[in-house]
Amino acid sequence: MPYTCMVQANHLGAASPRTDEAADEAADEAAELVRALMALAGRMRRIGDTGSVDRAAMIVLHHLSCAPGPTRISELASGLRLDSSTVSRHVAALERSGHLERTSDPDDHRAARIALTDPGRQALATAMRTWRDTLEAALVGWPARDRATLTALLARLAADLDTATSLEKDS
């Protein structure tokens, strides 16, 4: 029974007691989505070799690749929605491995900015190519409309999760 823990957790009463059928149905659907996302995350972790950088660090590299230029660690942490100390550990390891470089901040010489190096860009490109190729193979039998719908729904879910977690932080 692969999802026993999640099923049990769904019925432990951690949430407020449900009083109507619609709330029960919504909670059951959310629990099913959590199980599906956990299964998907597990499968994504098993996709190919990401090379010399672990998958968690790949997220840092990817975020920096989307940045308009060298970025402060605090800005990176905020963008990743992680604690600065967590991001600092990843940055230090990526710096030691030559995937990132640190430069002084022209606006504040006490601060530093980080940026991808050529080996960092290459490591990210290799991992992204592996993930893309695997997803292309998995979706080969899907009609183009289904692939587009999946992409749109996942992007919408990501945006809604950002909104929901922002609201939780603010309250």
Protein backbone atom coordinates (compact mmCIF):
# COMPACT_ATOMS: atom_id res chain seq x y z
CA MET A 1 0.00 0.00 0.00
CA PRO A 2 2.14 2.85 -1.27
CA TYR A 3 0.12 5.75 0.14
CA THR A 4 -0.94 4.41 3.52
CA CYS A 5 0.74 7.21 5.44
CA MET A 6 -1.00 9.93 3.45
CA VAL A 7 -4.35 8.17 3.67
CA GLN A 8 -3.96 7.81 7.43
CA ALA A 9 -2.78 11.39 7.77
CA ASN A 10 -5.88 12.52 5.90
CA HIS A 11 -8.09 11.00 8.61
CA LEU A 12 -6.16 11.89 11.78
CA GLY A 13 -8.24 14.97 12.44
CA ALA A 14 -5.41 17.43 11.88
CA ALA A 15 -7.80 19.66 9.96
CA SER A 16 -10.94 21.14 11.44
CA PRO A 17 -13.93 18.77 11.56
CA ARG A 18 -15.81 18.67 8.26
CA THR A 19 -19.51 19.26 8.36
CA ASP A 20 -20.70 19.00 4.80
CA GLU A 21 -20.33 16.66 1.86
CA ALA A 22 -18.74 19.29 -0.42
CA ALA A 23 -15.99 19.93 2.13
CA ASP A 24 -15.38 16.18 2.41
CA GLU A 25 -15.16 15.87 -1.36
CA ALA A 26 -12.77 18.84 -1.64
CA ALA A 27 -10.57 17.40 1.12
CA ASP A 28 -10.53 13.98 -0.56
CA GLU A 29 -9.60 15.56 -3.90
CA ALA A 30 -6.83 17.57 -2.26
CA ALA A 31 -5.49 14.43 -0.57
CA GLU A 32 -5.53 12.59 -3.89
CA LEU A 33 -3.67 15.48 -5.53
CA VAL A 34 -1.06 15.42 -2.75
CA ARG A 35 -0.55 11.70 -3.33
CA ALA A 36 -0.23 12.22 -7.09
CA LEU A 37 2.25 15.08 -6.64
CA MET A 38 4.32 13.04 -4.20
CA ALA A 39 4.40 10.14 -6.66
CA LEU A 40 5.38 12.53 -9.47
CA ALA A 41 8.13 14.11 -7.34
CA GLY A 42 9.51 10.65 -6.58
CA ARG A 43 9.59 9.76 -10.24
CA MET A 44 11.23 13.08 -11.17
CA ARG A 45 13.96 12.38 -8.60
CA ARG A 46 14.70 9.09 -10.37
CA ILE A 47 15.01 10.66 -13.82
CA GLY A 48 18.51 10.33 -15.12
CA ASP A 49 21.73 11.67 -13.77
CA THR A 50 21.85 15.40 -13.14
CA GLY A 51 25.62 15.29 -13.30
CA SER A 52 27.86 16.84 -10.71
CA VAL A 53 25.14 18.84 -8.93
CA ASP A 54 22.36 17.50 -6.73
CA ARG A 55 18.75 18.23 -7.62
CA ALA A 56 18.20 20.71 -4.79
CA ALA A 57 21.16 22.75 -5.99
CA MET A 58 19.76 22.58 -9.54
CA ILE A 59 16.83 24.66 -8.33
CA VAL A 60 19.28 27.35 -7.21
CA LEU A 61 21.07 27.23 -10.57
CA HIS A 62 17.78 27.40 -12.46
CA HIS A 63 16.55 30.38 -10.45
CA LEU A 64 19.82 32.21 -11.06
CA SER A 65 19.65 31.41 -14.78
CA CYS A 66 16.34 33.29 -14.92
CA ALA A 67 17.69 36.31 -13.02
CA PRO A 68 18.59 39.42 -15.02
CA GLY A 69 22.10 39.44 -13.56
CA PRO A 70 24.13 38.72 -10.43
CA THR A 71 21.81 38.33 -7.44
CA ARG A 72 22.11 38.82 -3.69
CA ILE A 73 21.63 35.68 -1.60
CA SER A 74 18.75 37.38 0.23
CA GLU A 75 16.99 38.03 -3.10
CA LEU A 76 17.60 34.44 -4.17
CA ALA A 77 16.25 33.10 -0.87
CA SER A 78 13.16 35.28 -1.19
CA GLY A 79 12.57 34.13 -4.76
CA LEU A 80 12.95 30.50 -3.75
CA ARG A 81 10.86 31.03 -0.61
CA LEU A 82 13.63 29.51 1.49
CA ASP A 83 15.55 30.63 4.54
CA SER A 84 18.74 32.57 3.73
CA SER A 85 20.86 30.11 5.72
CA THR A 86 19.59 27.20 3.61
CA VAL A 87 20.32 29.05 0.39
CA SER A 88 23.73 30.14 1.72
CA ARG A 89 24.71 26.49 2.26
CA HIS A 90 23.73 25.60 -1.32
CA VAL A 91 25.51 28.67 -2.67
CA ALA A 92 28.70 27.83 -0.73
CA ALA A 93 28.72 24.28 -2.10
CA LEU A 94 28.04 25.50 -5.65
CA GLU A 95 30.77 28.09 -5.29
CA ARG A 96 33.27 25.44 -4.11
CA SER A 97 32.37 23.24 -7.08
CA GLY A 98 32.84 26.14 -9.51
CA HIS A 99 29.19 26.40 -10.57
CA LEU A 100 28.69 29.86 -9.05
CA GLU A 101 30.89 32.88 -8.54
CA ARG A 102 30.62 35.68 -6.04
CA THR A 103 31.14 39.32 -7.00
CA SER A 104 30.91 42.49 -4.97
CA ASP A 105 27.64 44.39 -5.03
CA PRO A 106 28.19 47.72 -6.81
CA ASP A 107 25.39 49.29 -4.74
CA ASP A 108 26.73 48.07 -1.38
CA HIS A 109 30.37 46.99 -1.19
CA ARG A 110 29.68 45.11 2.06
CA ALA A 111 27.32 42.76 0.21
CA ALA A 112 27.99 40.21 -2.50
CA ARG A 113 26.11 39.00 -5.54
CA ILE A 114 26.24 35.54 -7.05
CA ALA A 115 26.04 34.44 -10.64
CA LEU A 116 26.31 31.28 -12.70
CA THR A 117 29.67 30.32 -14.15
CA ASP A 118 30.05 28.52 -17.48
CA PRO A 119 30.30 25.14 -15.69
CA GLY A 120 27.12 26.06 -13.75
CA ARG A 121 25.26 26.87 -16.97
CA GLN A 122 26.53 23.66 -18.53
CA ALA A 123 25.45 21.52 -15.53
CA LEU A 124 22.01 23.11 -15.58
CA ALA A 125 21.65 22.62 -19.35
CA THR A 126 22.61 18.94 -19.03
CA ALA A 127 20.06 18.31 -16.27
CA MET A 128 17.31 20.24 -18.04
CA ARG A 129 17.97 18.32 -21.26
CA THR A 130 17.72 15.00 -19.38
CA TRP A 131 14.45 15.98 -17.70
CA ARG A 132 13.01 17.40 -20.95
CA ASP A 133 13.93 14.29 -22.96
CA THR A 134 12.39 12.01 -20.34
CA LEU A 135 9.18 14.02 -20.18
CA GLU A 136 8.98 14.11 -23.99
CA ALA A 137 9.28 10.31 -24.05
CA ALA A 138 6.61 9.93 -21.35
CA LEU A 139 4.19 12.24 -23.17
CA VAL A 140 4.84 10.98 -26.69
CA GLY A 141 1.41 9.33 -26.93
CA TRP A 142 -0.45 12.33 -25.55
CA PRO A 143 -2.31 14.59 -27.96
CA ALA A 144 -0.85 18.10 -28.24
CA ARG A 145 -3.97 19.55 -26.63
CA ASP A 146 -3.55 17.33 -23.54
CA ARG A 147 0.12 18.31 -23.22
CA ALA A 148 -0.81 21.99 -23.48
CA THR A 149 -3.60 21.55 -20.91
CA LEU A 150 -1.25 19.77 -18.50
CA THR A 151 1.33 22.55 -18.85
CA ALA A 152 -1.26 25.27 -18.32
CA LEU A 153 -2.79 23.55 -15.29
CA LEU A 154 0.60 22.94 -13.66
CA ALA A 155 1.56 26.60 -14.21
CA ARG A 156 -1.78 27.65 -12.71
CA LEU A 157 -1.28 25.34 -9.72
CA ALA A 158 2.23 26.76 -9.14
CA ALA A 159 0.89 30.32 -9.22
CA ASP A 160 -2.00 29.46 -6.90
CA LEU A 161 0.38 27.73 -4.49
CA ASP A 162 2.50 30.90 -4.45
CA THR A 163 -0.60 32.92 -3.62
CA ALA A 164 -1.77 30.49 -0.94
CA THR A 165 1.63 30.33 0.75
CA SER A 166 1.94 34.13 0.62
CA LEU A 167 -1.40 34.43 2.37
CA GLU A 168 -0.31 31.94 5.05
CA LYS A 169 2.88 33.94 5.70
CA ASP A 170 0.92 37.18 5.98
CA SER A 171 -1.58 35.87 8.54
